[in-house]
């Protein structure tokens, strides 16, 4: 999944830089919207936390606690 994140992040940065170079107006607003969409796609494709590992850690910690006895 990291490849998708890197791809979208690179395009978001490129689109934002292109929007900065454009004169104010409708085209610039559209380019900023493109940058926002790529940024949102990058956030969605970013790797999330490993929930399986966290669950295993919590179970092991509970098993070793005095409350488990």
Foldseek 3Di string as FASTA:
>chain_A
DVVLLVVLQVQLVVLLVVLVPDDDDDVSVVSNVSSVVSVVSSVVPDDDDDVVVVVVVVVVVVCPDPVVD
